[in-house]
Every structure is written in structure tokens, then in C-alpha cells.
């Protein structure tokens, strides 16, 4: 993952077959004039749905998010 001030970039490894399916899914939504209209939007939506089906992971994230935020604040303070 690479972070910038505005965006986070994540490299996703997919087989050719899965990449074709993802591209065709985006093509379908664009043709129908519906959302999501980008590969990133499809992956974000899929992650949200996955997270809803894995309650234990969601609980872990919610419990540990304050620690992550604190660590990020320390990193930002060190850069300044």
C-alpha cells in the first residue's frame, strides 16, 4: 500500500480470469448507468460486504482503531 495526502493506493493481485470478470462487471454497471463505475469502487463495495459477513474482524477493527489512529498521529508529528 502506498499513501498520499489524498489517496491510498493498493496493489491487488488477480488472475487473468478474475481481472476479466472484474472489468466486465464494471463494463456492465457503466452500460446500465449504475454505480459502481470503477474497479476501485467495486472492490470497496465488495470489501464492505465482506466485512459485514465477518463480524469478528469488524469487532477487532473497531476495538483497535484508536491504537492505529494514535500511531498515525505520532508518525505525522515526527514528520513535522
PDB file of N, CA and C in Angstrom:
ATOM      1  N   UNK A   1       0.856  -1.165   0.000  1.00  0.00           N
ATOM      2  CA  UNK A   1       0.000   0.000   0.000  1.00  0.00           C
ATOM      3  C   UNK A   1       0.900   1.225   0.000  1.00  0.00           C
ATOM      4  N   UNK A   2       0.501   2.212  -0.764  1.00  0.00           N
ATOM      5  CA  UNK A   2       1.196   3.491  -0.813  1.00  0.00           C
ATOM      6  C   UNK A   2       0.192   4.560  -0.435  1.00  0.00           C
ATOM      7  N   UNK A   3       0.574   5.430   0.469  1.00  0.00           N
ATOM      8  CA  UNK A   3      -0.316   6.502   0.903  1.00  0.00           C
ATOM      9  C   UNK A   3       0.157   7.828   0.344  1.00  0.00           C
ATOM     10  N   UNK A   4      -0.792   8.645  -0.023  1.00  0.00           N
ATOM     11  CA  UNK A   4      -0.506  10.031  -0.369  1.00  0.00           C
ATOM     12  C   UNK A   4      -1.433  10.884   0.478  1.00  0.00           C
ATOM     13  N   UNK A   5      -1.348  12.194   0.340  1.00  0.00           N
ATOM     14  CA  UNK A   5      -2.217  13.056   1.139  1.00  0.00           C
ATOM     15  C   UNK A   5      -3.684  12.852   0.796  1.00  0.00           C
ATOM     16  N   UNK A   6      -3.956  12.514  -0.448  1.00  0.00           N
ATOM     17  CA  UNK A   6      -5.332  12.427  -0.899  1.00  0.00           C
ATOM     18  C   UNK A   6      -5.840  10.991  -1.078  1.00  0.00           C
ATOM     19  N   UNK A   7      -4.949  10.072  -1.443  1.00  0.00           N
ATOM     20  CA  UNK A   7      -5.382   8.721  -1.788  1.00  0.00           C
ATOM     21  C   UNK A   7      -4.477   7.668  -1.169  1.00  0.00           C
ATOM     22  N   UNK A   8      -5.004   6.456  -1.033  1.00  0.00           N
ATOM     23  CA  UNK A   8      -4.222   5.277  -0.679  1.00  0.00           C
ATOM     24  C   UNK A   8      -4.253   4.353  -1.885  1.00  0.00           C
ATOM     25  N   UNK A   9      -3.100   3.886  -2.290  1.00  0.00           N
ATOM     26  CA  UNK A   9      -3.004   3.005  -3.441  1.00  0.00           C
ATOM     27  C   UNK A   9      -2.664   1.606  -2.968  1.00  0.00           C
ATOM     28  N   UNK A  10      -3.441   0.616  -3.431  1.00  0.00           N
ATOM     29  CA  UNK A  10      -3.251  -0.770  -3.043  1.00  0.00           C
ATOM     30  C   UNK A  10      -3.068  -1.594  -4.308  1.00  0.00           C
ATOM     31  N   UNK A  11      -2.069  -2.450  -4.291  1.00  0.00           N
ATOM     32  CA  UNK A  11      -1.842  -3.361  -5.412  1.00  0.00           C
ATOM     33  C   UNK A  11      -2.648  -4.623  -5.140  1.00  0.00           C
ATOM     34  N   UNK A  12      -3.439  -5.029  -6.110  1.00  0.00           N
ATOM     35  CA  UNK A  12      -4.265  -6.226  -5.977  1.00  0.00           C
ATOM     36  C   UNK A  12      -3.799  -7.236  -7.017  1.00  0.00           C
ATOM     37  N   UNK A  13      -3.500  -8.434  -6.554  1.00  0.00           N
ATOM     38  CA  UNK A  13      -3.069  -9.492  -7.461  1.00  0.00           C
ATOM     39  C   UNK A  13      -4.276 -10.338  -7.825  1.00  0.00           C
ATOM     40  N   UNK A  14      -4.598 -10.383  -9.113  1.00  0.00           N
ATOM     41  CA  UNK A  14      -5.728 -11.157  -9.615  1.00  0.00           C
ATOM     42  C   UNK A  14      -5.268 -12.023 -10.775  1.00  0.00           C
ATOM     43  N   UNK A  15      -5.908 -13.157 -10.927  1.00  0.00           N
ATOM     44  CA  UNK A  15      -5.648 -13.970 -12.112  1.00  0.00           C
ATOM     45  C   UNK A  15      -6.213 -13.236 -13.323  1.00  0.00           C
ATOM     46  N   UNK A  16      -5.790 -13.634 -14.495  1.00  0.00           N
ATOM     47  CA  UNK A  16      -6.329 -13.032 -15.720  1.00  0.00           C
ATOM     48  C   UNK A  16      -7.842 -13.210 -15.784  1.00  0.00           C
ATOM     49  N   UNK A  17      -8.302 -14.386 -15.380  1.00  0.00           N
ATOM     50  CA  UNK A  17      -9.731 -14.670 -15.424  1.00  0.00           C
ATOM     51  C   UNK A  17     -10.509 -13.742 -14.480  1.00  0.00           C
ATOM     52  N   UNK A  18     -10.015 -13.582 -13.257  1.00  0.00           N
ATOM     53  CA  UNK A  18     -10.694 -12.698 -12.307  1.00  0.00           C
ATOM     54  C   UNK A  18     -10.620 -11.238 -12.752  1.00  0.00           C
ATOM     55  N   UNK A  19      -9.499 -10.851 -13.347  1.00  0.00           N
ATOM     56  CA  UNK A  19      -9.372  -9.482 -13.847  1.00  0.00           C
ATOM     57  C   UNK A  19     -10.384  -9.228 -14.965  1.00  0.00           C
ATOM     58  N   UNK A  20     -10.540 -10.202 -15.843  1.00  0.00           N
ATOM     59  CA  UNK A  20     -11.534 -10.076 -16.912  1.00  0.00           C
ATOM     60  C   UNK A  20     -12.941  -9.945 -16.340  1.00  0.00           C
ATOM     61  N   UNK A  21     -13.246 -10.738 -15.311  1.00  0.00           N
ATOM     62  CA  UNK A  21     -14.573 -10.676 -14.684  1.00  0.00           C
ATOM     63  C   UNK A  21     -14.804  -9.319 -14.027  1.00  0.00           C
ATOM     64  N   UNK A  22     -13.792  -8.811 -13.358  1.00  0.00           N
ATOM     65  CA  UNK A  22     -13.911  -7.503 -12.717  1.00  0.00           C
ATOM     66  C   UNK A  22     -14.127  -6.409 -13.757  1.00  0.00           C
ATOM     67  N   UNK A  23     -13.362  -6.451 -14.824  1.00  0.00           N
ATOM     68  CA  UNK A  23     -13.514  -5.460 -15.891  1.00  0.00           C
ATOM     69  C   UNK A  23     -14.904  -5.543 -16.527  1.00  0.00           C
ATOM     70  N   UNK A  24     -15.400  -6.746 -16.722  1.00  0.00           N
ATOM     71  CA  UNK A  24     -16.723  -6.912 -17.314  1.00  0.00           C
ATOM     72  C   UNK A  24     -17.826  -6.457 -16.356  1.00  0.00           C
ATOM     73  N   UNK A  25     -17.629  -6.646 -15.061  1.00  0.00           N
ATOM     74  CA  UNK A  25     -18.611  -6.161 -14.081  1.00  0.00           C
ATOM     75  C   UNK A  25     -18.706  -4.643 -14.141  1.00  0.00           C
ATOM     76  N   UNK A  26     -17.561  -3.985 -14.217  1.00  0.00           N
ATOM     77  CA  UNK A  26     -17.545  -2.524 -14.320  1.00  0.00           C
ATOM     78  C   UNK A  26     -18.196  -2.089 -15.631  1.00  0.00           C
ATOM     79  N   UNK A  27     -17.882  -2.798 -16.692  1.00  0.00           N
ATOM     80  CA  UNK A  27     -18.477  -2.502 -18.002  1.00  0.00           C
ATOM     81  C   UNK A  27     -20.006  -2.610 -17.933  1.00  0.00           C
ATOM     82  N   UNK A  28     -20.505  -3.635 -17.264  1.00  0.00           N
ATOM     83  CA  UNK A  28     -21.945  -3.829 -17.102  1.00  0.00           C
ATOM     84  C   UNK A  28     -22.573  -2.641 -16.389  1.00  0.00           C
ATOM     85  N   UNK A  29     -22.000  -2.255 -15.247  1.00  0.00           N
ATOM     86  CA  UNK A  29     -22.570  -1.144 -14.485  1.00  0.00           C
ATOM     87  C   UNK A  29     -22.526   0.164 -15.268  1.00  0.00           C
ATOM     88  N   UNK A  30     -21.443   0.386 -15.983  1.00  0.00           N
ATOM     89  CA  UNK A  30     -21.371   1.606 -16.806  1.00  0.00           C
ATOM     90  C   UNK A  30     -22.441   1.596 -17.889  1.00  0.00           C
ATOM     91  N   UNK A  31     -22.622   0.443 -18.543  1.00  0.00           N
ATOM     92  CA  UNK A  31     -23.621   0.323 -19.615  1.00  0.00           C
ATOM     93  C   UNK A  31     -25.035   0.541 -19.081  1.00  0.00           C
ATOM     94  N   UNK A  32     -25.287   0.116 -17.842  1.00  0.00           N
ATOM     95  CA  UNK A  32     -26.607   0.273 -17.232  1.00  0.00           C
ATOM     96  C   UNK A  32     -26.783   1.653 -16.593  1.00  0.00           C
ATOM     97  N   UNK A  33     -25.696   2.423 -16.568  1.00  0.00           N
ATOM     98  CA  UNK A  33     -25.764   3.752 -15.967  1.00  0.00           C
ATOM     99  C   UNK A  33     -25.909   3.701 -14.450  1.00  0.00           C
ATOM    100  N   UNK A  34     -25.360   2.658 -13.843  1.00  0.00           N
ATOM    101  CA  UNK A  34     -25.482   2.471 -12.398  1.00  0.00           C
ATOM    102  C   UNK A  34     -24.105   2.467 -11.741  1.00  0.00           C
ATOM    103  N   UNK A  35     -24.116   2.579 -10.447  1.00  0.00           N
ATOM    104  CA  UNK A  35     -22.888   2.511  -9.659  1.00  0.00           C
ATOM    105  C   UNK A  35     -22.684   1.074  -9.201  1.00  0.00           C
ATOM    106  N   UNK A  36     -21.493   0.627  -8.972  1.00  0.00           N
ATOM    107  CA  UNK A  36     -20.196   1.293  -9.072  1.00  0.00           C
ATOM    108  C   UNK A  36     -19.676   1.314 -10.513  1.00  0.00           C
ATOM    109  N   UNK A  37     -18.957   2.358 -10.841  1.00  0.00           N
ATOM    110  CA  UNK A  37     -18.494   2.548 -12.218  1.00  0.00           C
ATOM    111  C   UNK A  37     -16.990   2.449 -12.381  1.00  0.00           C
ATOM    112  N   UNK A  38     -16.293   1.991 -11.346  1.00  0.00           N
ATOM    113  CA  UNK A  38     -14.843   1.803 -11.465  1.00  0.00           C
ATOM    114  C   UNK A  38     -14.440   0.535 -10.732  1.00  0.00           C
ATOM    115  N   UNK A  39     -13.270   0.028 -11.080  1.00  0.00           N
ATOM    116  CA  UNK A  39     -12.782  -1.178 -10.407  1.00  0.00           C
ATOM    117  C   UNK A  39     -12.570  -0.899  -8.927  1.00  0.00           C
ATOM    118  N   UNK A  40     -12.060   0.263  -8.613  1.00  0.00           N
ATOM    119  CA  UNK A  40     -11.844   0.618  -7.210  1.00  0.00           C
ATOM    120  C   UNK A  40     -13.165   0.634  -6.445  1.00  0.00           C
ATOM    121  N   UNK A  41     -14.200   1.197  -7.054  1.00  0.00           N
ATOM    122  CA  UNK A  41     -15.498   1.274  -6.390  1.00  0.00           C
ATOM    123  C   UNK A  41     -16.084  -0.122  -6.173  1.00  0.00           C
ATOM    124  N   UNK A  42     -15.911  -1.021  -7.140  1.00  0.00           N
ATOM    125  CA  UNK A  42     -16.395  -2.398  -6.989  1.00  0.00           C
ATOM    126  C   UNK A  42     -15.658  -3.074  -5.832  1.00  0.00           C
ATOM    127  N   UNK A  43     -14.344  -2.891  -5.762  1.00  0.00           N
ATOM    128  CA  UNK A  43     -13.565  -3.528  -4.703  1.00  0.00           C
ATOM    129  C   UNK A  43     -13.895  -2.944  -3.331  1.00  0.00           C
ATOM    130  N   UNK A  44     -14.131  -1.627  -3.256  1.00  0.00           N
ATOM    131  CA  UNK A  44     -14.520  -1.026  -1.974  1.00  0.00           C
ATOM    132  C   UNK A  44     -15.863  -1.580  -1.517  1.00  0.00           C
ATOM    133  N   UNK A  45     -16.809  -1.678  -2.443  1.00  0.00           N
ATOM    134  CA  UNK A  45     -18.140  -2.204  -2.112  1.00  0.00           C
ATOM    135  C   UNK A  45     -18.044  -3.668  -1.677  1.00  0.00           C
ATOM    136  N   UNK A  46     -17.244  -4.434  -2.390  1.00  0.00           N
ATOM    137  CA  UNK A  46     -17.073  -5.847  -2.041  1.00  0.00           C
ATOM    138  C   UNK A  46     -16.446  -5.987  -0.658  1.00  0.00           C
ATOM    139  N   UNK A  47     -15.479  -5.128  -0.329  1.00  0.00           N
ATOM    140  CA  UNK A  47     -14.858  -5.203   0.993  1.00  0.00           C
ATOM    141  C   UNK A  47     -15.860  -4.872   2.086  1.00  0.00           C
ATOM    142  N   UNK A  48     -16.694  -3.858   1.860  1.00  0.00           N
ATOM    143  CA  UNK A  48     -17.714  -3.506   2.851  1.00  0.00           C
ATOM    144  C   UNK A  48     -18.661  -4.680   3.092  1.00  0.00           C
ATOM    145  N   UNK A  49     -19.081  -5.345   2.028  1.00  0.00           N
ATOM    146  CA  UNK A  49     -19.969  -6.504   2.155  1.00  0.00           C
ATOM    147  C   UNK A  49     -19.253  -7.657   2.859  1.00  0.00           C
ATOM    148  N   UNK A  50     -17.986  -7.886   2.524  1.00  0.00           N
ATOM    149  CA  UNK A  50     -17.213  -8.944   3.162  1.00  0.00           C
ATOM    150  C   UNK A  50     -17.107  -8.680   4.663  1.00  0.00           C
ATOM    151  N   UNK A  51     -16.833  -7.425   5.009  1.00  0.00           N
ATOM    152  CA  UNK A  51     -16.686  -7.060   6.413  1.00  0.00           C
ATOM    153  C   UNK A  51     -17.979  -7.285   7.187  1.00  0.00           C
ATOM    154  N   UNK A  52     -19.105  -7.014   6.561  1.00  0.00           N
ATOM    155  CA  UNK A  52     -20.391  -7.255   7.221  1.00  0.00           C
ATOM    156  C   UNK A  52     -20.614  -8.746   7.496  1.00  0.00           C
ATOM    157  N   UNK A  53     -20.033  -9.614   6.685  1.00  0.00           N
ATOM    158  CA  UNK A  53     -20.179 -11.061   6.861  1.00  0.00           C
ATOM    159  C   UNK A  53     -19.128 -11.660   7.789  1.00  0.00           C
ATOM    160  N   UNK A  54     -18.187 -10.850   8.243  1.00  0.00           N
ATOM    161  CA  UNK A  54     -17.133 -11.311   9.143  1.00  0.00           C
ATOM    162  C   UNK A  54     -17.121 -10.410  10.379  1.00  0.00           C
ATOM    163  N   UNK A  55     -18.111 -10.625  11.216  1.00  0.00           N
ATOM    164  CA  UNK A  55     -18.338  -9.764  12.387  1.00  0.00           C
ATOM    165  C   UNK A  55     -17.136  -9.719  13.324  1.00  0.00           C
ATOM    166  N   UNK A  56     -16.422 -10.845  13.457  1.00  0.00           N
ATOM    167  CA  UNK A  56     -15.282 -10.870  14.367  1.00  0.00           C
ATOM    168  C   UNK A  56     -14.169  -9.944  13.892  1.00  0.00           C
ATOM    169  N   UNK A  57     -13.992  -9.837  12.579  1.00  0.00           N
ATOM    170  CA  UNK A  57     -12.986  -8.931  12.026  1.00  0.00           C
ATOM    171  C   UNK A  57     -13.431  -7.482  12.248  1.00  0.00           C
ATOM    172  N   UNK A  58     -14.702  -7.224  12.017  1.00  0.00           N
ATOM    173  CA  UNK A  58     -15.243  -5.878  12.225  1.00  0.00           C
ATOM    174  C   UNK A  58     -15.075  -5.452  13.685  1.00  0.00           C
ATOM    175  N   UNK A  59     -15.329  -6.366  14.629  1.00  0.00           N
ATOM    176  CA  UNK A  59     -15.151  -6.059  16.050  1.00  0.00           C
ATOM    177  C   UNK A  59     -13.691  -5.780  16.367  1.00  0.00           C
ATOM    178  N   UNK A  60     -12.797  -6.566  15.798  1.00  0.00           N
ATOM    179  CA  UNK A  60     -11.361  -6.361  16.004  1.00  0.00           C
ATOM    180  C   UNK A  60     -10.942  -4.979  15.517  1.00  0.00           C
ATOM    181  N   UNK A  61     -11.405  -4.614  14.320  1.00  0.00           N
ATOM    182  CA  UNK A  61     -11.069  -3.310  13.749  1.00  0.00           C
ATOM    183  C   UNK A  61     -11.577  -2.189  14.642  1.00  0.00           C
ATOM    184  N   UNK A  62     -12.828  -2.288  15.052  1.00  0.00           N
ATOM    185  CA  UNK A  62     -13.416  -1.247  15.901  1.00  0.00           C
ATOM    186  C   UNK A  62     -12.685  -1.132  17.234  1.00  0.00           C
ATOM    187  N   UNK A  63     -12.267  -2.261  17.792  1.00  0.00           N
ATOM    188  CA  UNK A  63     -11.570  -2.246  19.079  1.00  0.00           C
ATOM    189  C   UNK A  63     -10.160  -1.667  18.963  1.00  0.00           C
ATOM    190  N   UNK A  64      -9.517  -1.879  17.823  1.00  0.00           N
ATOM    191  CA  UNK A  64      -8.122  -1.471  17.674  1.00  0.00           C
ATOM    192  C   UNK A  64      -7.921  -0.198  16.866  1.00  0.00           C
ATOM    193  N   UNK A  65      -8.969   0.344  16.321  1.00  0.00           N
ATOM    194  CA  UNK A  65      -8.849   1.555  15.508  1.00  0.00           C
ATOM    195  C   UNK A  65      -8.233   2.728  16.292  1.00  0.00           C
ATOM    196  N   UNK A  66      -8.592   2.933  17.563  1.00  0.00           N
ATOM    197  CA  UNK A  66      -7.955   4.027  18.309  1.00  0.00           C
ATOM    198  C   UNK A  66      -6.429   3.883  18.383  1.00  0.00           C
ATOM    199  N   UNK A  67      -5.933   2.653  18.483  1.00  0.00           N
ATOM    200  CA  UNK A  67      -4.484   2.437  18.506  1.00  0.00           C
ATOM    201  C   UNK A  67      -3.842   2.823  17.182  1.00  0.00           C
ATOM    202  N   UNK A  68      -4.488   2.467  16.087  1.00  0.00           N
ATOM    203  CA  UNK A  68      -3.986   2.816  14.762  1.00  0.00           C
ATOM    204  C   UNK A  68      -3.970   4.332  14.574  1.00  0.00           C
ATOM    205  N   UNK A  69      -5.048   4.974  14.972  1.00  0.00           N
ATOM    206  CA  UNK A  69      -5.125   6.434  14.835  1.00  0.00           C
ATOM    207  C   UNK A  69      -4.042   7.122  15.662  1.00  0.00           C
ATOM    208  N   UNK A  70      -3.796   6.619  16.854  1.00  0.00           N
ATOM    209  CA  UNK A  70      -2.761   7.191  17.714  1.00  0.00           C
ATOM    210  C   UNK A  70      -1.389   7.028  17.067  1.00  0.00           C
ATOM    211  N   UNK A  71      -1.119   5.856  16.504  1.00  0.00           N
ATOM    212  CA  UNK A  71       0.161   5.597  15.837  1.00  0.00           C
ATOM    213  C   UNK A  71       0.333   6.517  14.631  1.00  0.00           C
ATOM    214  N   UNK A  72      -0.735   6.755  13.896  1.00  0.00           N
ATOM    215  CA  UNK A  72      -0.662   7.647  12.736  1.00  0.00           C
ATOM    216  C   UNK A  72      -0.382   9.083  13.173  1.00  0.00           C
ATOM    217  N   UNK A  73      -0.978   9.500  14.281  1.00  0.00           N
ATOM    218  CA  UNK A  73      -0.725  10.849  14.799  1.00  0.00           C
ATOM    219  C   UNK A  73       0.737  11.010  15.200  1.00  0.00           C
ATOM    220  N   UNK A  74       1.305   9.983  15.810  1.00  0.00           N
ATOM    221  CA  UNK A  74       2.716  10.024  16.196  1.00  0.00           C
ATOM    222  C   UNK A  74       3.594  10.147  14.958  1.00  0.00           C
ATOM    223  N   UNK A  75       3.290   9.361  13.917  1.00  0.00           N
ATOM    224  CA  UNK A  75       4.071   9.430  12.672  1.00  0.00           C
ATOM    225  C   UNK A  75       3.990  10.813  12.047  1.00  0.00           C
ATOM    226  N   UNK A  76       2.798  11.397  12.031  1.00  0.00           N
ATOM    227  CA  UNK A  76       2.618  12.737  11.456  1.00  0.00           C
ATOM    228  C   UNK A  76       3.389  13.772  12.261  1.00  0.00           C
ATOM    229  N   UNK A  77       3.391  13.637  13.569  1.00  0.00           N
ATOM    230  CA  UNK A  77       4.114  14.569  14.436  1.00  0.00           C
ATOM    231  C   UNK A  77       5.616  14.459  14.211  1.00  0.00           C
ATOM    232  N   UNK A  78       6.100  13.240  13.974  1.00  0.00           N
ATOM    233  CA  UNK A  78       7.532  13.044  13.719  1.00  0.00           C
ATOM    234  C   UNK A  78       7.947  13.649  12.392  1.00  0.00           C
ATOM    235  N   UNK A  79       7.058  13.645  11.411  1.00  0.00           N
ATOM    236  CA  UNK A  79       7.365  14.230  10.100  1.00  0.00           C
ATOM    237  C   UNK A  79       7.435  15.741  10.159  1.00  0.00           C
ATOM    238  N   UNK A  80       6.644  16.343  11.059  1.00  0.00           N
ATOM    239  CA  UNK A  80       6.570  17.807  11.131  1.00  0.00           C
ATOM    240  C   UNK A  80       7.788  18.425  11.797  1.00  0.00           C
TER     241      UNK A  80
END
